[in-house]
Amino acid sequence: MRIKVGDEVQVISGNGRGERGKVLRIDRKTERVVVEGVNSQVKNLKKTQQNPEGGRLEVEMPIALSNVLLWSEKANKGVRTKTDISGDKKIRVGVPCGTKFDS
């Protein structure tokens, strides 16, 4: 996978198209990611003894990994990445701009 937790990504398709955010979680089995502030839905909370008022909670839901691109400050857009080997280390590099993400 070319996306890691903590990366800044841009959504390229779906309802959140064009939005940017930080990756909070990755589910490698289903190939989905949770991006901060993207695809948020309201969850209703039941009344309990700990929370007697109940309430509403806004939660980010996962989106497909194929719908996000790594954000490059140099190109000022989401970019595809390739892997270059530098010595014994793999480095992610933006294809159009050459930005190194794992420096």
PDB file of N, CA and C in Angstrom:
ATOM      1  N   MET A   1       0.826  -1.177   0.000  1.00  0.00           N
ATOM      2  CA  MET A   1       0.000   0.000   0.000  1.00  0.00           C
ATOM      3  C   MET A   1       0.869   1.238   0.000  1.00  0.00           C
ATOM      4  N   ARG A   2       0.457   2.220  -0.721  1.00  0.00           N
ATOM      5  CA  ARG A   2       1.259   3.424  -0.860  1.00  0.00           C
ATOM      6  C   ARG A   2       0.778   4.566   0.024  1.00  0.00           C
ATOM      7  N   ILE A   3      -0.238   4.295   0.838  1.00  0.00           N
ATOM      8  CA  ILE A   3      -0.751   5.287   1.776  1.00  0.00           C
ATOM      9  C   ILE A   3      -0.476   4.767   3.186  1.00  0.00           C
ATOM     10  N   LYS A   4      -0.058   5.670   4.081  1.00  0.00           N
ATOM     11  CA  LYS A   4       0.212   5.289   5.461  1.00  0.00           C
ATOM     12  C   LYS A   4      -0.619   6.163   6.396  1.00  0.00           C
ATOM     13  N   VAL A   5      -0.794   5.694   7.637  1.00  0.00           N
ATOM     14  CA  VAL A   5      -1.518   6.466   8.640  1.00  0.00           C
ATOM     15  C   VAL A   5      -0.742   7.751   8.902  1.00  0.00           C
ATOM     16  N   GLY A   6      -1.439   8.871   8.906  1.00  0.00           N
ATOM     17  CA  GLY A   6      -0.824  10.167   9.136  1.00  0.00           C
ATOM     18  C   GLY A   6      -0.535  10.944   7.861  1.00  0.00           C
ATOM     19  N   ASP A   7      -0.624  10.290   6.696  1.00  0.00           N
ATOM     20  CA  ASP A   7      -0.406  10.982   5.424  1.00  0.00           C
ATOM     21  C   ASP A   7      -1.550  11.942   5.144  1.00  0.00           C
ATOM     22  N   GLU A   8      -1.238  13.020   4.447  1.00  0.00           N
ATOM     23  CA  GLU A   8      -2.290  13.922   3.976  1.00  0.00           C
ATOM     24  C   GLU A   8      -2.676  13.493   2.572  1.00  0.00           C
ATOM     25  N   VAL A   9      -3.969  13.276   2.358  1.00  0.00           N
ATOM     26  CA  VAL A   9      -4.455  12.775   1.076  1.00  0.00           C
ATOM     27  C   VAL A   9      -5.554  13.676   0.540  1.00  0.00           C
ATOM     28  N   GLN A  10      -5.836  13.520  -0.756  1.00  0.00           N
ATOM     29  CA  GLN A  10      -6.925  14.235  -1.407  1.00  0.00           C
ATOM     30  C   GLN A  10      -7.883  13.197  -1.976  1.00  0.00           C
ATOM     31  N   VAL A  11      -9.177  13.421  -1.769  1.00  0.00           N
ATOM     32  CA  VAL A  11     -10.196  12.523  -2.301  1.00  0.00           C
ATOM     33  C   VAL A  11     -10.421  12.873  -3.768  1.00  0.00           C
ATOM     34  N   ILE A  12     -10.384  11.857  -4.648  1.00  0.00           N
ATOM     35  CA  ILE A  12     -10.495  12.129  -6.082  1.00  0.00           C
ATOM     36  C   ILE A  12     -11.825  11.706  -6.681  1.00  0.00           C
ATOM     37  N   SER A  13     -12.659  10.982  -5.920  1.00  0.00           N
ATOM     38  CA  SER A  13     -13.975  10.657  -6.452  1.00  0.00           C
ATOM     39  C   SER A  13     -14.953  10.422  -5.314  1.00  0.00           C
ATOM     40  N   GLY A  14     -16.228  10.507  -5.634  1.00  0.00           N
ATOM     41  CA  GLY A  14     -17.267  10.334  -4.633  1.00  0.00           C
ATOM     42  C   GLY A  14     -17.794  11.671  -4.153  1.00  0.00           C
ATOM     43  N   ASN A  15     -18.587  11.636  -3.069  1.00  0.00           N
ATOM     44  CA  ASN A  15     -19.208  12.861  -2.549  1.00  0.00           C
ATOM     45  C   ASN A  15     -18.192  13.837  -1.972  1.00  0.00           C
ATOM     46  N   GLY A  16     -17.063  13.339  -1.489  1.00  0.00           N
ATOM     47  CA  GLY A  16     -16.058  14.203  -0.893  1.00  0.00           C
ATOM     48  C   GLY A  16     -14.972  14.626  -1.858  1.00  0.00           C
ATOM     49  N   ARG A  17     -15.255  14.585  -3.145  1.00  0.00           N
ATOM     50  CA  ARG A  17     -14.248  14.881  -4.162  1.00  0.00           C
ATOM     51  C   ARG A  17     -13.619  16.261  -3.951  1.00  0.00           C
ATOM     52  N   GLY A  18     -12.287  16.300  -3.995  1.00  0.00           N
ATOM     53  CA  GLY A  18     -11.561  17.547  -3.836  1.00  0.00           C
ATOM     54  C   GLY A  18     -11.174  17.867  -2.408  1.00  0.00           C
ATOM     55  N   GLU A  19     -11.734  17.164  -1.423  1.00  0.00           N
ATOM     56  CA  GLU A  19     -11.427  17.438  -0.026  1.00  0.00           C
ATOM     57  C   GLU A  19     -10.087  16.820   0.355  1.00  0.00           C
ATOM     58  N   ARG A  20      -9.423  17.465   1.309  1.00  0.00           N
ATOM     59  CA  ARG A  20      -8.147  16.967   1.814  1.00  0.00           C
ATOM     60  C   ARG A  20      -8.275  16.658   3.287  1.00  0.00           C
ATOM     61  N   GLY A  21      -7.478  15.697   3.751  1.00  0.00           N
ATOM     62  CA  GLY A  21      -7.476  15.379   5.169  1.00  0.00           C
ATOM     63  C   GLY A  21      -6.385  14.387   5.498  1.00  0.00           C
ATOM     64  N   LYS A  22      -6.224  14.152   6.795  1.00  0.00           N
ATOM     65  CA  LYS A  22      -5.205  13.238   7.286  1.00  0.00           C
ATOM     66  C   LYS A  22      -5.809  11.837   7.419  1.00  0.00           C
ATOM     67  N   VAL A  23      -5.027  10.813   7.088  1.00  0.00           N
ATOM     68  CA  VAL A  23      -5.475   9.421   7.205  1.00  0.00           C
ATOM     69  C   VAL A  23      -5.443   9.034   8.678  1.00  0.00           C
ATOM     70  N   LEU A  24      -6.602   8.591   9.197  1.00  0.00           N
ATOM     71  CA  LEU A  24      -6.701   8.196  10.598  1.00  0.00           C
ATOM     72  C   LEU A  24      -6.506   6.694  10.780  1.00  0.00           C
ATOM     73  N   ARG A  25      -7.087   5.897   9.877  1.00  0.00           N
ATOM     74  CA  ARG A  25      -6.998   4.432   9.973  1.00  0.00           C
ATOM     75  C   ARG A  25      -6.968   3.849   8.583  1.00  0.00           C
ATOM     76  N   ILE A  26      -6.377   2.660   8.469  1.00  0.00           N
ATOM     77  CA  ILE A  26      -6.378   1.911   7.210  1.00  0.00           C
ATOM     78  C   ILE A  26      -6.806   0.491   7.514  1.00  0.00           C
ATOM     79  N   ASP A  27      -7.774  -0.016   6.752  1.00  0.00           N
ATOM     80  CA  ASP A  27      -8.164  -1.420   6.847  1.00  0.00           C
ATOM     81  C   ASP A  27      -7.598  -2.123   5.621  1.00  0.00           C
ATOM     82  N   ARG A  28      -6.510  -2.844   5.806  1.00  0.00           N
ATOM     83  CA  ARG A  28      -5.809  -3.475   4.690  1.00  0.00           C
ATOM     84  C   ARG A  28      -6.614  -4.632   4.084  1.00  0.00           C
ATOM     85  N   LYS A  29      -7.429  -5.270   4.892  1.00  0.00           N
ATOM     86  CA  LYS A  29      -8.208  -6.418   4.399  1.00  0.00           C
ATOM     87  C   LYS A  29      -9.262  -5.987   3.383  1.00  0.00           C
ATOM     88  N   THR A  30      -9.970  -4.903   3.678  1.00  0.00           N
ATOM     89  CA  THR A  30     -11.029  -4.436   2.774  1.00  0.00           C
ATOM     90  C   THR A  30     -10.571  -3.292   1.882  1.00  0.00           C
ATOM     91  N   GLU A  31      -9.307  -2.855   2.053  1.00  0.00           N
ATOM     92  CA  GLU A  31      -8.724  -1.761   1.279  1.00  0.00           C
ATOM     93  C   GLU A  31      -9.562  -0.485   1.365  1.00  0.00           C
ATOM     94  N   ARG A  32      -9.804  -0.078   2.611  1.00  0.00           N
ATOM     95  CA  ARG A  32     -10.548   1.153   2.861  1.00  0.00           C
ATOM     96  C   ARG A  32      -9.774   2.009   3.853  1.00  0.00           C
ATOM     97  N   VAL A  33      -9.963   3.330   3.756  1.00  0.00           N
ATOM     98  CA  VAL A  33      -9.281   4.262   4.656  1.00  0.00           C
ATOM     99  C   VAL A  33     -10.292   5.201   5.281  1.00  0.00           C
ATOM    100  N   VAL A  34      -9.956   5.680   6.482  1.00  0.00           N
ATOM    101  CA  VAL A  34     -10.762   6.688   7.157  1.00  0.00           C
ATOM    102  C   VAL A  34      -9.957   7.980   7.114  1.00  0.00           C
ATOM    103  N   VAL A  35     -10.539   9.010   6.497  1.00  0.00           N
ATOM    104  CA  VAL A  35      -9.868  10.293   6.333  1.00  0.00           C
ATOM    105  C   VAL A  35     -10.577  11.322   7.209  1.00  0.00           C
ATOM    106  N   GLU A  36      -9.780  12.109   7.929  1.00  0.00           N
ATOM    107  CA  GLU A  36     -10.307  13.101   8.849  1.00  0.00           C
ATOM    108  C   GLU A  36     -11.161  14.143   8.115  1.00  0.00           C
ATOM    109  N   GLY A  37     -12.424  14.288   8.534  1.00  0.00           N
ATOM    110  CA  GLY A  37     -13.315  15.298   7.968  1.00  0.00           C
ATOM    111  C   GLY A  37     -13.983  14.912   6.663  1.00  0.00           C
ATOM    112  N   VAL A  38     -13.776  13.691   6.176  1.00  0.00           N
ATOM    113  CA  VAL A  38     -14.350  13.250   4.905  1.00  0.00           C
ATOM    114  C   VAL A  38     -15.321  12.104   5.170  1.00  0.00           C
ATOM    115  N   ASN A  39     -16.460  12.118   4.488  1.00  0.00           N
ATOM    116  CA  ASN A  39     -17.477  11.080   4.600  1.00  0.00           C
ATOM    117  C   ASN A  39     -17.966  10.924   6.043  1.00  0.00           C
ATOM    118  N   SER A  40     -18.263  12.035   6.695  1.00  0.00           N
ATOM    119  CA  SER A  40     -18.739  11.975   8.075  1.00  0.00           C
ATOM    120  C   SER A  40     -20.255  11.789   8.090  1.00  0.00           C
ATOM    121  N   GLN A  41     -20.695  10.963   9.035  1.00  0.00           N
ATOM    122  CA  GLN A  41     -22.109  10.681   9.205  1.00  0.00           C
ATOM    123  C   GLN A  41     -22.476  10.867  10.659  1.00  0.00           C
ATOM    124  N   VAL A  42     -23.757  11.094  10.926  1.00  0.00           N
ATOM    125  CA  VAL A  42     -24.228  11.321  12.284  1.00  0.00           C
ATOM    126  C   VAL A  42     -24.697  10.003  12.873  1.00  0.00           C
ATOM    127  N   LYS A  43     -24.185   9.693  14.072  1.00  0.00           N
ATOM    128  CA  LYS A  43     -24.585   8.482  14.786  1.00  0.00           C
ATOM    129  C   LYS A  43     -25.408   8.911  15.998  1.00  0.00           C
ATOM    130  N   ASN A  44     -26.588   8.350  16.148  1.00  0.00           N
ATOM    131  CA  ASN A  44     -27.451   8.686  17.276  1.00  0.00           C
ATOM    132  C   ASN A  44     -27.099   7.802  18.461  1.00  0.00           C
ATOM    133  N   LEU A  45     -26.915   8.424  19.622  1.00  0.00           N
ATOM    134  CA  LEU A  45     -26.566   7.689  20.827  1.00  0.00           C
ATOM    135  C   LEU A  45     -27.803   7.499  21.695  1.00  0.00           C
ATOM    136  N   LYS A  46     -27.973   6.286  22.216  1.00  0.00           N
ATOM    137  CA  LYS A  46     -29.098   5.997  23.096  1.00  0.00           C
ATOM    138  C   LYS A  46     -28.880   6.639  24.454  1.00  0.00           C
ATOM    139  N   LYS A  47     -29.968   6.836  25.177  1.00  0.00           N
ATOM    140  CA  LYS A  47     -29.869   7.326  26.541  1.00  0.00           C
ATOM    141  C   LYS A  47     -29.382   6.180  27.431  1.00  0.00           C
ATOM    142  N   THR A  48     -28.359   6.451  28.229  1.00  0.00           N
ATOM    143  CA  THR A  48     -27.834   5.459  29.167  1.00  0.00           C
ATOM    144  C   THR A  48     -27.618   6.154  30.506  1.00  0.00           C
ATOM    145  N   GLN A  49     -27.215   5.382  31.515  1.00  0.00           N
ATOM    146  CA  GLN A  49     -26.945   5.987  32.818  1.00  0.00           C
ATOM    147  C   GLN A  49     -25.722   6.902  32.747  1.00  0.00           C
ATOM    148  N   GLN A  50     -24.736   6.531  31.940  1.00  0.00           N
ATOM    149  CA  GLN A  50     -23.554   7.385  31.797  1.00  0.00           C
ATOM    150  C   GLN A  50     -23.857   8.618  30.939  1.00  0.00           C
ATOM    151  N   ASN A  51     -24.795   8.482  30.004  1.00  0.00           N
ATOM    152  CA  ASN A  51     -25.146   9.570  29.102  1.00  0.00           C
ATOM    153  C   ASN A  51     -26.668   9.733  29.115  1.00  0.00           C
ATOM    154  N   PRO A  52     -27.231  10.361  30.167  1.00  0.00           N
ATOM    155  CA  PRO A  52     -28.691  10.418  30.308  1.00  0.00           C
ATOM    156  C   PRO A  52     -29.393  11.254  29.246  1.00  0.00           C
ATOM    157  N   GLU A  53     -28.681  12.141  28.575  1.00  0.00           N
ATOM    158  CA  GLU A  53     -29.285  12.969  27.547  1.00  0.00           C
ATOM    159  C   GLU A  53     -29.347  12.274  26.184  1.00  0.00           C
ATOM    160  N   GLY A  54     -28.514  11.237  25.993  1.00  0.00           N
ATOM    161  CA  GLY A  54     -28.403  10.662  24.647  1.00  0.00           C
ATOM    162  C   GLY A  54     -27.572  11.606  23.806  1.00  0.00           C
ATOM    163  N   GLY A  55     -27.889  11.720  22.559  1.00  0.00           N
ATOM    164  CA  GLY A  55     -27.205  12.705  21.751  1.00  0.00           C
ATOM    165  C   GLY A  55     -26.855  12.227  20.364  1.00  0.00           C
ATOM    166  N   ARG A  56     -26.079  13.043  19.685  1.00  0.00           N
ATOM    167  CA  ARG A  56     -25.651  12.751  18.319  1.00  0.00           C
ATOM    168  C   ARG A  56     -24.139  12.892  18.257  1.00  0.00           C
ATOM    169  N   LEU A  57     -23.518  11.991  17.519  1.00  0.00           N
ATOM    170  CA  LEU A  57     -22.072  11.994  17.385  1.00  0.00           C
ATOM    171  C   LEU A  57     -21.718  11.930  15.912  1.00  0.00           C
ATOM    172  N   GLU A  58     -20.830  12.811  15.475  1.00  0.00           N
ATOM    173  CA  GLU A  58     -20.425  12.811  14.069  1.00  0.00           C
ATOM    174  C   GLU A  58     -19.194  11.917  13.922  1.00  0.00           C
ATOM    175  N   VAL A  59     -19.284  10.911  13.029  1.00  0.00           N
ATOM    176  CA  VAL A  59     -18.235   9.905  12.870  1.00  0.00           C
ATOM    177  C   VAL A  59     -17.806   9.840  11.412  1.00  0.00           C
ATOM    178  N   GLU A  60     -16.482   9.761  11.174  1.00  0.00           N
ATOM    179  CA  GLU A  60     -15.981   9.576   9.812  1.00  0.00           C
ATOM    180  C   GLU A  60     -16.097   8.106   9.435  1.00  0.00           C
ATOM    181  N   MET A  61     -16.616   7.841   8.256  1.00  0.00           N
ATOM    182  CA  MET A  61     -16.777   6.479   7.761  1.00  0.00           C
ATOM    183  C   MET A  61     -15.705   6.206   6.708  1.00  0.00           C
ATOM    184  N   PRO A  62     -15.358   4.925   6.512  1.00  0.00           N
ATOM    185  CA  PRO A  62     -14.295   4.609   5.556  1.00  0.00           C
ATOM    186  C   PRO A  62     -14.698   4.819   4.104  1.00  0.00           C
ATOM    187  N   ILE A  63     -13.694   5.114   3.269  1.00  0.00           N
ATOM    188  CA  ILE A  63     -13.882   5.216   1.826  1.00  0.00           C
ATOM    189  C   ILE A  63     -12.862   4.302   1.168  1.00  0.00           C
ATOM    190  N   ALA A  64     -13.073   3.994  -0.079  1.00  0.00           N
ATOM    191  CA  ALA A  64     -12.180   3.084  -0.795  1.00  0.00           C
ATOM    192  C   ALA A  64     -10.792   3.705  -0.953  1.00  0.00           C
ATOM    193  N   LEU A  65      -9.787   2.888  -0.823  1.00  0.00           N
ATOM    194  CA  LEU A  65      -8.403   3.339  -0.949  1.00  0.00           C
ATOM    195  C   LEU A  65      -8.104   3.886  -2.337  1.00  0.00           C
ATOM    196  N   SER A  66      -8.798   3.361  -3.346  1.00  0.00           N
ATOM    197  CA  SER A  66      -8.568   3.810  -4.712  1.00  0.00           C
ATOM    198  C   SER A  66      -9.109   5.215  -4.963  1.00  0.00           C
ATOM    199  N   ASN A  67      -9.872   5.752  -4.017  1.00  0.00           N
ATOM    200  CA  ASN A  67     -10.454   7.082  -4.179  1.00  0.00           C
ATOM    201  C   ASN A  67      -9.614   8.192  -3.569  1.00  0.00           C
ATOM    202  N   VAL A  68      -8.395   7.872  -3.110  1.00  0.00           N
ATOM    203  CA  VAL A  68      -7.538   8.901  -2.529  1.00  0.00           C
ATOM    204  C   VAL A  68      -6.163   8.899  -3.191  1.00  0.00           C
ATOM    205  N   LEU A  69      -5.556  10.087  -3.245  1.00  0.00           N
ATOM    206  CA  LEU A  69      -4.187  10.261  -3.733  1.00  0.00           C
ATOM    207  C   LEU A  69      -3.391  11.017  -2.681  1.00  0.00           C
ATOM    208  N   LEU A  70      -2.115  10.720  -2.592  1.00  0.00           N
ATOM    209  CA  LEU A  70      -1.226  11.390  -1.660  1.00  0.00           C
ATOM    210  C   LEU A  70      -1.070  12.855  -2.052  1.00  0.00           C
ATOM    211  N   TRP A  71      -1.197  13.768  -1.083  1.00  0.00           N
ATOM    212  CA  TRP A  71      -1.135  15.206  -1.345  1.00  0.00           C
ATOM    213  C   TRP A  71       0.319  15.664  -1.418  1.00  0.00           C
ATOM    214  N   SER A  72       0.632  16.420  -2.462  1.00  0.00           N
ATOM    215  CA  SER A  72       1.971  16.966  -2.639  1.00  0.00           C
ATOM    216  C   SER A  72       1.902  18.484  -2.567  1.00  0.00           C
ATOM    217  N   GLU A  73       2.662  19.075  -1.644  1.00  0.00           N
ATOM    218  CA  GLU A  73       2.716  20.533  -1.524  1.00  0.00           C
ATOM    219  C   GLU A  73       3.392  21.147  -2.750  1.00  0.00           C
ATOM    220  N   LYS A  74       4.377  20.443  -3.285  1.00  0.00           N
ATOM    221  CA  LYS A  74       5.126  20.955  -4.435  1.00  0.00           C
ATOM    222  C   LYS A  74       4.219  21.092  -5.663  1.00  0.00           C
ATOM    223  N   ALA A  75       3.400  20.059  -5.936  1.00  0.00           N
ATOM    224  CA  ALA A  75       2.498  20.084  -7.081  1.00  0.00           C
ATOM    225  C   ALA A  75       1.166  20.752  -6.744  1.00  0.00           C
ATOM    226  N   ASN A  76       0.893  20.926  -5.448  1.00  0.00           N
ATOM    227  CA  ASN A  76      -0.361  21.507  -4.963  1.00  0.00           C
ATOM    228  C   ASN A  76      -1.577  20.723  -5.434  1.00  0.00           C
ATOM    229  N   LYS A  77      -1.445  19.392  -5.453  1.00  0.00           N
ATOM    230  CA  LYS A  77      -2.548  18.492  -5.804  1.00  0.00           C
ATOM    231  C   LYS A  77      -2.204  17.081  -5.354  1.00  0.00           C
ATOM    232  N   GLY A  78      -3.176  16.179  -5.476  1.00  0.00           N
ATOM    233  CA  GLY A  78      -2.928  14.778  -5.187  1.00  0.00           C
ATOM    234  C   GLY A  78      -2.129  14.149  -6.311  1.00  0.00           C
ATOM    235  N   VAL A  79      -1.141  13.312  -5.961  1.00  0.00           N
ATOM    236  CA  VAL A  79      -0.270  12.724  -6.982  1.00  0.00           C
ATOM    237  C   VAL A  79      -0.190  11.208  -6.809  1.00  0.00           C
ATOM    238  N   ARG A  80      -0.010  10.534  -7.935  1.00  0.00           N
ATOM    239  CA  ARG A  80       0.288   9.107  -7.896  1.00  0.00           C
ATOM    240  C   ARG A  80       1.713   8.944  -7.392  1.00  0.00           C
ATOM    241  N   THR A  81       2.024   7.788  -6.848  1.00  0.00           N
ATOM    242  CA  THR A  81       3.365   7.577  -6.321  1.00  0.00           C
ATOM    243  C   THR A  81       3.985   6.325  -6.917  1.00  0.00           C
ATOM    244  N   LYS A  82       5.318   6.320  -6.906  1.00  0.00           N
ATOM    245  CA  LYS A  82       6.071   5.126  -7.274  1.00  0.00           C
ATOM    246  C   LYS A  82       7.064   4.885  -6.149  1.00  0.00           C
ATOM    247  N   THR A  83       7.675   3.711  -6.137  1.00  0.00           N
ATOM    248  CA  THR A  83       8.626   3.360  -5.103  1.00  0.00           C
ATOM    249  C   THR A  83      10.021   3.322  -5.689  1.00  0.00           C
ATOM    250  N   ASP A  84      10.924   4.104  -5.119  1.00  0.00           N
ATOM    251  CA  ASP A  84      12.336   4.083  -5.495  1.00  0.00           C
ATOM    252  C   ASP A  84      13.113   3.439  -4.361  1.00  0.00           C
ATOM    253  N   ILE A  85      14.160   2.705  -4.703  1.00  0.00           N
ATOM    254  CA  ILE A  85      14.992   2.073  -3.701  1.00  0.00           C
ATOM    255  C   ILE A  85      16.266   2.895  -3.554  1.00  0.00           C
ATOM    256  N   SER A  86      16.498   3.388  -2.356  1.00  0.00           N
ATOM    257  CA  SER A  86      17.680   4.188  -2.061  1.00  0.00           C
ATOM    258  C   SER A  86      18.506   3.422  -1.030  1.00  0.00           C
ATOM    259  N   GLY A  87      19.558   2.757  -1.498  1.00  0.00           N
ATOM    260  CA  GLY A  87      20.356   1.909  -0.608  1.00  0.00           C
ATOM    261  C   GLY A  87      19.546   0.686  -0.216  1.00  0.00           C
ATOM    262  N   ASP A  88      19.249   0.550   1.062  1.00  0.00           N
ATOM    263  CA  ASP A  88      18.436  -0.582   1.536  1.00  0.00           C
ATOM    264  C   ASP A  88      17.058  -0.118   1.980  1.00  0.00           C
ATOM    265  N   LYS A  89      16.639   1.074   1.547  1.00  0.00           N
ATOM    266  CA  LYS A  89      15.395   1.681   2.002  1.00  0.00           C
ATOM    267  C   LYS A  89      14.488   2.021   0.816  1.00  0.00           C
ATOM    268  N   LYS A  90      13.186   1.771   0.976  1.00  0.00           N
ATOM    269  CA  LYS A  90      12.214   2.144  -0.049  1.00  0.00           C
ATOM    270  C   LYS A  90      11.686   3.540   0.239  1.00  0.00           C
ATOM    271  N   ILE A  91      11.586   4.358  -0.803  1.00  0.00           N
ATOM    272  CA  ILE A  91      11.110   5.729  -0.665  1.00  0.00           C
ATOM    273  C   ILE A  91       9.960   5.957  -1.637  1.00  0.00           C
ATOM    274  N   ARG A  92       8.869   6.574  -1.130  1.00  0.00           N
ATOM    275  CA  ARG A  92       7.752   6.932  -2.003  1.00  0.00           C
ATOM    276  C   ARG A  92       8.073   8.251  -2.688  1.00  0.00           C
ATOM    277  N   VAL A  93       7.856   8.284  -4.015  1.00  0.00           N
ATOM    278  CA  VAL A  93       8.174   9.473  -4.804  1.00  0.00           C
ATOM    279  C   VAL A  93       6.959   9.822  -5.654  1.00  0.00           C
ATOM    280  N   GLY A  94       6.568  11.103  -5.673  1.00  0.00           N
ATOM    281  CA  GLY A  94       5.466  11.565  -6.512  1.00  0.00           C
ATOM    282  C   GLY A  94       5.853  11.479  -7.974  1.00  0.00           C
ATOM    283  N   VAL A  95       4.972  10.917  -8.809  1.00  0.00           N
ATOM    284  CA  VAL A  95       5.299  10.691 -10.213  1.00  0.00           C
ATOM    285  C   VAL A  95       5.475  11.999 -10.993  1.00  0.00           C
ATOM    286  N   PRO A  96       4.525  12.951 -10.974  1.00  0.00           N
ATOM    287  CA  PRO A  96       4.709  14.127 -11.814  1.00  0.00           C
ATOM    288  C   PRO A  96       5.707  15.150 -11.277  1.00  0.00           C
ATOM    289  N   CYS A  97       5.888  15.192  -9.936  1.00  0.00           N
ATOM    290  CA  CYS A  97       6.670  16.277  -9.346  1.00  0.00           C
ATOM    291  C   CYS A  97       7.996  15.838  -8.748  1.00  0.00           C
ATOM    292  N   GLY A  98       8.149  14.561  -8.440  1.00  0.00           N
ATOM    293  CA  GLY A  98       9.398  14.075  -7.860  1.00  0.00           C
ATOM    294  C   GLY A  98       9.529  14.304  -6.368  1.00  0.00           C
ATOM    295  N   THR A  99       8.447  14.668  -5.692  1.00  0.00           N
ATOM    296  CA  THR A  99       8.480  14.892  -4.252  1.00  0.00           C
ATOM    297  C   THR A  99       8.759  13.587  -3.526  1.00  0.00           C
ATOM    298  N   LYS A 100       9.706  13.599  -2.570  1.00  0.00           N
ATOM    299  CA  LYS A 100      10.015  12.423  -1.764  1.00  0.00           C
ATOM    300  C   LYS A 100       9.225  12.510  -0.466  1.00  0.00           C
ATOM    301  N   PHE A 101       8.420  11.480  -0.197  1.00  0.00           N
ATOM    302  CA  PHE A 101       7.540  11.513   0.972  1.00  0.00           C
ATOM    303  C   PHE A 101       8.130  10.851   2.201  1.00  0.00           C
ATOM    304  N   ASP A 102       9.111   9.952   2.063  1.00  0.00           N
ATOM    305  CA  ASP A 102       9.708   9.256   3.196  1.00  0.00           C
ATOM    306  C   ASP A 102      11.146   9.691   3.403  1.00  0.00           C
ATOM    307  N   SER A 103      11.381  10.961   3.624  1.00  0.00           N
ATOM    308  CA  SER A 103      12.751  11.449   3.784  1.00  0.00           C
ATOM    309  C   SER A 103      13.161  11.412   5.231  1.00  0.00           C
TER     310      SER A 103
END
